[in-house]
């Protein structure tokens, strides 16, 4: 039958076979037939991959030009394949206006697509934000999703059970700190408001942990004009539609966190940088070990959970960025350098699960 995906097999069985093809081979497999090309791009196939644990990850990176400028003359978007350990530059969005300074980009994973939300700050704080959207599967910039219900930047975000959450952040010319929260429904493709958090949280961390959305740390501007750092977290209880306050889930001496296999890891900044993990039974952070000497000192770090590994993005004083990987379940920790080097600072990233 000409319309069959694989002759002699029902389409339901054929889709199960196609779901097992690695994403790296999709461009070649799409050349087999038009039916294969359409099937490999369908949402049904990605639902099957998720159901049978065949998901793969990609890391989408936004990096301004060397001087911090936003310019089409420099490639500022990259996609990393953690399995093949390959990084490819992406073309800029079709329309990209540049500012010499005063902008911030938030990068959010919306299923197989990545939304890049650019908000202007400082003297440009009253200009409109711009939203771009990249389809990781098709490899093209596509129609952006609807704008958020409330303009915000430097917010906490994570994808949990078919929703992408955006919590807190800052907004407006005066950069008011927010405690409002909204979420994007991946089926209806619409933003919807949910209950506010108990605290305003600017530059908080957003994590998906065991089926819950967690907002950790962040800061809040007081009436006296000073910032206070939160030493707590809030977890969204979807069944009760309310926030659960977690007073011990964050430390003021930590800034970067990531989740791997249902466990929360973070970097503690004390005399020496240390790796920590959160023990849910004891409700406290426990030490895993110090970072190597090469990762100490005046450098900036970011943590990324990729499969069963922790990745660390390291930005040194020479404005170069490199990556290291470790399995947090194997002690003592051993950090392996990865074959990626950026000459400019990636300012934001997200992990896309396919």
Protein backbone atom coordinates (compact mmCIF):
# COMPACT_ATOMS: atom_id res chain seq x y z
CA UNK A 1 0.00 0.00 0.00
CA UNK A 2 1.50 3.25 -1.15
CA UNK A 3 0.33 5.22 1.86
CA UNK A 4 1.91 2.87 4.43
CA UNK A 5 4.94 4.17 6.30
CA UNK A 6 6.60 0.73 6.14
CA UNK A 7 5.11 -1.75 3.62
CA UNK A 8 3.54 -4.75 5.32
CA UNK A 9 3.21 -3.07 8.73
CA UNK A 10 0.31 -1.12 10.23
CA UNK A 11 1.10 2.56 10.67
CA UNK A 12 0.83 2.18 14.47
CA UNK A 13 3.68 -0.34 14.44
CA UNK A 14 5.65 1.69 11.90
CA UNK A 15 5.51 4.75 14.18
CA UNK A 16 6.96 2.68 17.02
CA UNK A 17 9.86 1.80 14.72
CA UNK A 18 10.39 5.39 13.60
CA UNK A 19 10.28 6.60 17.21
CA UNK A 20 13.44 4.60 17.88
CA UNK A 21 15.45 6.40 15.21
CA UNK A 22 17.97 8.76 16.79
CA UNK A 23 17.26 12.44 16.21
CA UNK A 24 20.70 12.78 14.66
CA UNK A 25 19.52 10.50 11.82
CA UNK A 26 16.21 12.28 11.21
CA UNK A 27 17.54 14.45 8.33
CA UNK A 28 18.63 11.31 6.47
CA UNK A 29 15.49 9.33 7.36
CA UNK A 30 13.31 12.22 6.14
CA UNK A 31 14.67 11.63 2.64
CA UNK A 32 13.16 8.13 2.44
CA UNK A 33 9.68 9.40 1.56
CA UNK A 34 7.28 12.25 2.11
CA UNK A 35 5.31 10.06 4.55
CA UNK A 36 8.44 9.47 6.64
CA UNK A 37 9.27 13.18 6.60
CA UNK A 38 5.81 14.11 7.86
CA UNK A 39 5.80 11.33 10.49
CA UNK A 40 9.21 12.31 11.87
CA UNK A 41 7.93 15.85 12.46
CA UNK A 42 4.59 14.86 14.01
CA UNK A 43 3.75 15.42 17.67
CA UNK A 44 2.46 11.84 17.89
CA UNK A 45 5.97 10.50 17.34
CA UNK A 46 7.39 12.70 20.12
CA UNK A 47 4.63 11.58 22.47
CA UNK A 48 5.67 7.99 21.78
CA UNK A 49 9.31 8.81 22.44
CA UNK A 50 8.39 10.31 25.81
CA UNK A 51 6.14 7.35 26.71
CA UNK A 52 8.88 4.78 26.06
CA UNK A 53 11.74 6.77 27.57
CA UNK A 54 13.43 7.42 24.21
CA UNK A 55 13.88 11.12 24.81
CA UNK A 56 17.03 12.98 23.82
CA UNK A 57 18.24 16.40 24.90
CA UNK A 58 19.56 19.47 23.12
CA UNK A 59 21.08 22.55 24.74
CA UNK A 60 20.06 25.84 23.17
CA UNK A 61 22.46 28.72 23.89
CA UNK A 62 22.15 32.45 23.37
CA UNK A 63 25.46 34.35 23.34
CA UNK A 64 25.82 38.08 22.52
CA UNK A 65 28.72 39.33 20.40
CA UNK A 66 32.17 39.74 21.99
CA UNK A 67 31.56 43.33 23.02
CA UNK A 68 28.12 42.56 24.42
CA UNK A 69 26.42 43.90 21.31
CA UNK A 70 23.40 42.35 19.66
CA UNK A 71 24.33 42.19 15.99
CA UNK A 72 23.41 40.01 13.01
CA UNK A 73 27.08 40.03 11.97
CA UNK A 74 27.92 37.54 14.74
CA UNK A 75 26.35 34.14 15.34
CA UNK A 76 24.69 34.36 18.72
CA UNK A 77 22.65 31.16 18.85
CA UNK A 78 23.97 27.60 19.17
CA UNK A 79 22.58 24.09 19.55
CA UNK A 80 24.54 21.36 21.35
CA UNK A 81 23.92 17.63 20.88
CA UNK A 82 25.05 16.03 24.20
CA UNK A 83 25.15 12.52 22.70
CA UNK A 84 27.31 13.26 19.67
CA UNK A 85 29.10 16.09 21.57
CA UNK A 86 28.62 18.42 18.62
CA UNK A 87 27.79 22.11 18.60
CA UNK A 88 26.38 23.88 15.57
CA UNK A 89 25.81 27.61 15.14
CA UNK A 90 22.31 28.72 14.24
CA UNK A 91 21.35 31.61 11.99
CA UNK A 92 19.93 34.67 13.72
CA UNK A 93 16.16 35.28 13.65
CA UNK A 94 14.91 36.87 10.41
CA UNK A 95 14.29 40.17 12.19
CA UNK A 96 16.80 41.10 14.86
CA UNK A 97 17.21 44.71 15.89
CA UNK A 98 20.36 45.47 17.84
CA UNK A 99 20.94 47.73 20.83
CA UNK A 100 24.42 48.69 22.03
CA UNK A 101 23.38 47.99 25.63
CA UNK A 102 20.42 47.69 27.93
CA UNK A 103 18.77 44.39 26.98
CA UNK A 104 18.27 40.97 28.55
CA UNK A 105 17.20 37.75 26.86
CA UNK A 106 15.35 34.93 28.61
CA UNK A 107 15.48 31.56 26.85
CA UNK A 108 12.59 29.17 27.54
CA UNK A 109 11.95 25.63 26.30
CA UNK A 110 8.40 25.24 24.98
CA UNK A 111 8.32 21.56 24.12
CA UNK A 112 10.32 21.04 20.93
CA UNK A 113 10.53 24.79 20.40
CA UNK A 114 12.60 27.44 22.14
CA UNK A 115 11.22 30.88 22.87
CA UNK A 116 13.69 33.75 23.11
CA UNK A 117 12.16 36.68 24.99
CA UNK A 118 14.13 39.91 24.84
CA UNK A 119 13.26 42.67 27.26
CA UNK A 120 14.92 46.09 27.30
CA UNK A 121 16.27 47.41 30.57
CA UNK A 122 17.78 50.65 31.83
CA UNK A 123 17.03 53.61 29.59
CA UNK A 124 15.20 51.29 27.19
CA UNK A 125 12.91 49.79 29.81
CA UNK A 126 9.76 51.27 28.29
CA UNK A 127 10.30 49.73 24.83
CA UNK A 128 8.37 46.64 23.76
CA UNK A 129 9.80 43.20 24.31
CA UNK A 130 10.50 40.96 21.33
CA UNK A 131 9.78 37.24 21.11
CA UNK A 132 11.52 34.83 18.72
CA UNK A 133 10.89 31.10 18.44
CA UNK A 134 13.19 28.34 17.13
CA UNK A 135 11.93 24.85 16.20
CA UNK A 136 14.68 22.46 17.30
CA UNK A 137 13.33 19.53 15.27
CA UNK A 138 12.87 21.40 11.98
CA UNK A 139 15.92 23.62 12.56
CA UNK A 140 14.18 26.86 11.59
CA UNK A 141 12.89 30.03 13.21
CA UNK A 142 9.13 29.85 13.31
CA UNK A 143 6.03 31.75 14.35
CA UNK A 144 6.49 32.95 17.95
CA UNK A 145 4.03 31.88 20.64
CA UNK A 146 1.61 34.37 22.20
CA UNK A 147 3.29 36.90 24.47
CA UNK A 148 3.16 36.39 28.22
CA UNK A 149 0.23 37.89 30.03
CA UNK A 150 2.64 40.08 32.00
CA UNK A 151 5.95 41.45 30.68
CA UNK A 152 8.77 40.09 32.84
CA UNK A 153 12.49 39.36 32.66
CA UNK A 154 15.01 37.41 34.77
CA UNK A 155 12.23 35.06 35.86
CA UNK A 156 12.28 31.42 37.00
CA UNK A 157 11.09 28.89 34.43
CA UNK A 158 10.74 25.13 33.93
CA UNK A 159 8.60 22.65 31.99
CA UNK A 160 6.45 20.26 34.07
CA UNK A 161 3.68 17.91 32.91
CA UNK A 162 2.75 19.76 29.74
CA UNK A 163 3.10 23.26 31.17
CA UNK A 164 5.93 25.79 30.97
CA UNK A 165 5.97 27.99 34.07
CA UNK A 166 7.26 31.57 34.33
CA UNK A 167 7.48 32.89 37.90
CA UNK A 168 8.53 36.21 39.38
CA UNK A 169 11.22 38.32 37.73
CA UNK A 170 11.28 42.06 37.19
CA UNK A 171 9.23 44.44 35.04
CA UNK A 172 8.82 48.08 34.07
CA UNK A 173 11.02 51.17 34.03
CA UNK A 174 11.45 50.94 37.81
CA UNK A 175 12.11 47.19 37.55
CA UNK A 176 9.42 46.19 40.01
CA UNK A 177 9.97 42.73 41.49
CA UNK A 178 7.15 40.27 40.80
CA UNK A 179 5.53 37.41 42.65
CA UNK A 180 3.00 36.72 39.91
CA UNK A 181 3.15 33.42 37.99
CA UNK A 182 1.78 32.22 34.66
CA UNK A 183 2.15 29.06 32.66
CA UNK A 184 2.06 28.09 28.98
CA UNK A 185 -0.18 25.17 28.03
CA UNK A 186 1.71 23.13 25.42
CA UNK A 187 -1.57 21.75 24.02
CA UNK A 188 -3.66 24.91 23.76
CA UNK A 189 -0.58 27.11 23.08
CA UNK A 190 -1.89 29.75 25.47
CA UNK A 191 -0.60 31.44 28.63
CA UNK A 192 -2.77 31.27 31.74
CA UNK A 193 -2.38 32.91 35.14
CA UNK A 194 -2.05 30.85 38.34
CA UNK A 195 -1.80 31.86 42.01
CA UNK A 196 0.91 34.31 43.07
CA UNK A 197 3.90 33.12 45.06
CA UNK A 198 4.17 34.16 48.70
CA UNK A 199 7.26 36.31 47.98
CA UNK A 200 8.48 38.52 45.18
CA UNK A 201 11.42 36.71 43.60
CA UNK A 202 13.74 38.37 41.08
CA UNK A 203 16.50 36.26 39.46
CA UNK A 204 15.30 33.10 41.21
CA UNK A 205 16.12 29.60 39.93
CA UNK A 206 13.39 27.49 38.33
CA UNK A 207 13.63 23.69 38.49
CA UNK A 208 11.41 20.76 37.51
CA UNK A 209 11.79 18.23 40.32
CA UNK A 210 9.79 15.00 40.61
CA UNK A 211 6.82 16.38 38.74
CA UNK A 212 6.72 19.72 40.57
CA UNK A 213 7.79 23.23 39.64
CA UNK A 214 10.21 24.68 42.20
CA UNK A 215 11.26 28.34 42.51
CA UNK A 216 14.42 28.69 44.59
CA UNK A 217 16.02 31.77 46.12
CA UNK A 218 15.93 35.05 44.27
CA UNK A 219 15.87 38.53 45.77
CA UNK A 220 13.40 41.28 46.62
CA UNK A 221 13.69 45.07 46.71
CA UNK A 222 12.67 46.51 50.09
CA UNK A 223 10.93 49.84 50.70
CA UNK A 224 14.29 51.23 51.83
CA UNK A 225 15.74 50.56 48.37
CA UNK A 226 17.96 47.62 49.32
CA UNK A 227 17.78 44.04 48.09
CA UNK A 228 17.28 41.10 50.42
CA UNK A 229 18.25 37.59 49.36
CA UNK A 230 15.69 34.87 50.01
CA UNK A 231 16.96 31.75 51.79
CA UNK A 232 13.83 29.76 50.93
CA UNK A 233 11.97 28.17 48.03
CA UNK A 234 8.39 27.70 46.89
CA UNK A 235 6.95 24.57 45.25
CA UNK A 236 3.77 24.56 43.17
CA UNK A 237 1.24 21.94 44.32
CA UNK A 238 -0.76 21.36 41.13
CA UNK A 239 -3.41 19.22 42.89
CA UNK A 240 -4.25 21.95 45.43
CA UNK A 241 -3.33 24.83 43.08
CA UNK A 242 -1.26 26.54 45.73
CA UNK A 243 2.35 27.28 46.62
CA UNK A 244 4.12 25.33 49.36
CA UNK A 245 6.73 27.35 51.24
CA UNK A 246 10.04 25.49 51.71
CA UNK A 247 12.21 27.34 54.26
CA UNK A 248 15.28 25.05 54.00
CA UNK A 249 15.37 24.33 50.26
CA UNK A 250 17.79 27.18 49.47
CA UNK A 251 20.95 28.71 50.91
CA UNK A 252 22.11 32.30 50.52
CA UNK A 253 25.63 31.12 49.63
CA UNK A 254 24.35 29.19 46.60
CA UNK A 255 23.50 30.60 43.18
CA UNK A 256 23.40 27.79 40.63
CA UNK A 257 21.29 24.63 40.79
CA UNK A 258 20.27 21.78 38.50
CA UNK A 259 18.24 18.57 38.80
CA UNK A 260 19.47 15.12 37.74
CA UNK A 261 17.41 11.92 38.16
CA UNK A 262 15.11 13.48 40.75
CA UNK A 263 17.90 14.99 42.89
CA UNK A 264 18.76 18.66 43.32
CA UNK A 265 22.40 19.78 43.07
CA UNK A 266 24.00 23.17 43.58
CA UNK A 267 27.27 25.09 43.90
CA UNK A 268 28.05 26.66 47.25
CA UNK A 269 30.22 29.78 47.14
CA UNK A 270 32.24 29.92 50.36
CA UNK A 271 36.03 29.97 50.89
CA UNK A 272 36.19 27.32 48.18
CA UNK A 273 33.43 26.40 45.78
CA UNK A 274 31.71 23.19 46.81
CA UNK A 275 29.19 20.86 45.19
CA UNK A 276 26.10 20.23 47.33
CA UNK A 277 22.98 18.08 47.05
CA UNK A 278 19.61 18.48 48.73
CA UNK A 279 18.48 15.63 50.99
CA UNK A 280 14.67 15.75 50.94
CA UNK A 281 14.33 13.41 53.94
CA UNK A 282 16.57 15.52 56.17
CA UNK A 283 15.48 18.77 54.45
CA UNK A 284 19.03 20.06 54.28
CA UNK A 285 21.89 20.56 51.85
CA UNK A 286 24.77 18.09 52.15
CA UNK A 287 28.31 18.39 50.81
CA UNK A 288 29.51 16.29 47.85
CA UNK A 289 33.02 17.74 47.58
CA UNK A 290 35.05 20.76 46.50
CA UNK A 291 35.39 21.74 42.87
CA UNK A 292 38.85 21.16 41.32
CA UNK A 293 41.40 23.97 41.61
CA UNK A 294 41.01 24.71 37.89
CA UNK A 295 37.34 25.58 38.53
CA UNK A 296 37.99 27.75 41.58
CA UNK A 297 38.82 31.45 41.62
CA UNK A 298 37.21 34.43 39.92
CA UNK A 299 35.12 32.63 37.32
CA UNK A 300 31.39 32.36 36.77
CA UNK A 301 29.60 29.00 36.70
CA UNK A 302 26.28 27.60 35.54
CA UNK A 303 24.90 24.11 36.16
CA UNK A 304 22.88 22.14 33.60
CA UNK A 305 21.14 18.80 34.15
CA UNK A 306 21.56 16.68 31.00
CA UNK A 307 20.26 13.11 31.28
CA UNK A 308 22.07 11.46 34.20
CA UNK A 309 24.97 13.95 34.15
CA UNK A 310 25.66 17.40 35.49
CA UNK A 311 27.22 19.87 33.08
CA UNK A 312 29.03 22.96 34.24
CA UNK A 313 29.34 26.02 32.02
CA UNK A 314 32.47 27.92 33.07
CA UNK A 315 33.10 31.55 32.07
CA UNK A 316 36.65 32.67 32.82
CA UNK A 317 38.23 36.11 33.24
CA UNK A 318 39.35 36.11 29.57
CA UNK A 319 35.73 36.07 28.38
CA UNK A 320 35.95 32.48 27.21
CA UNK A 321 33.41 29.80 28.04
CA UNK A 322 34.05 26.06 28.34
CA UNK A 323 32.08 23.02 29.55
CA UNK A 324 32.72 20.15 31.98
CA UNK A 325 30.65 17.07 32.80
CA UNK A 326 30.33 14.73 35.79
CA UNK A 327 28.14 11.88 37.03
CA UNK A 328 26.99 13.12 40.46
CA UNK A 329 26.30 9.58 41.68
CA UNK A 330 29.94 8.54 41.29
CA UNK A 331 32.14 9.79 44.11
CA UNK A 332 34.61 11.37 44.28
CA UNK A 333 33.36 13.67 41.56
CA UNK A 334 35.42 13.70 38.38
CA UNK A 335 34.89 16.59 35.97
CA UNK A 336 35.56 15.76 32.31
CA UNK A 337 36.25 18.64 29.89
CA UNK A 338 33.89 18.74 26.90
CA UNK A 339 34.87 19.78 23.35
CA UNK A 340 33.07 23.13 23.37
CA UNK A 341 34.68 26.55 23.62
CA UNK A 342 33.00 29.92 23.10
CA UNK A 343 34.96 33.12 22.64
CA UNK A 344 32.06 35.13 24.04
CA UNK A 345 29.88 34.72 27.11
CA UNK A 346 26.68 32.71 26.67
CA UNK A 347 24.19 34.82 28.62
CA UNK A 348 21.35 32.30 28.74
CA UNK A 349 20.50 28.72 27.79
CA UNK A 350 17.87 26.01 28.16
CA UNK A 351 17.68 22.23 27.81
CA UNK A 352 15.17 20.98 25.22
CA UNK A 353 13.77 17.47 25.74
CA UNK A 354 12.73 15.73 22.52
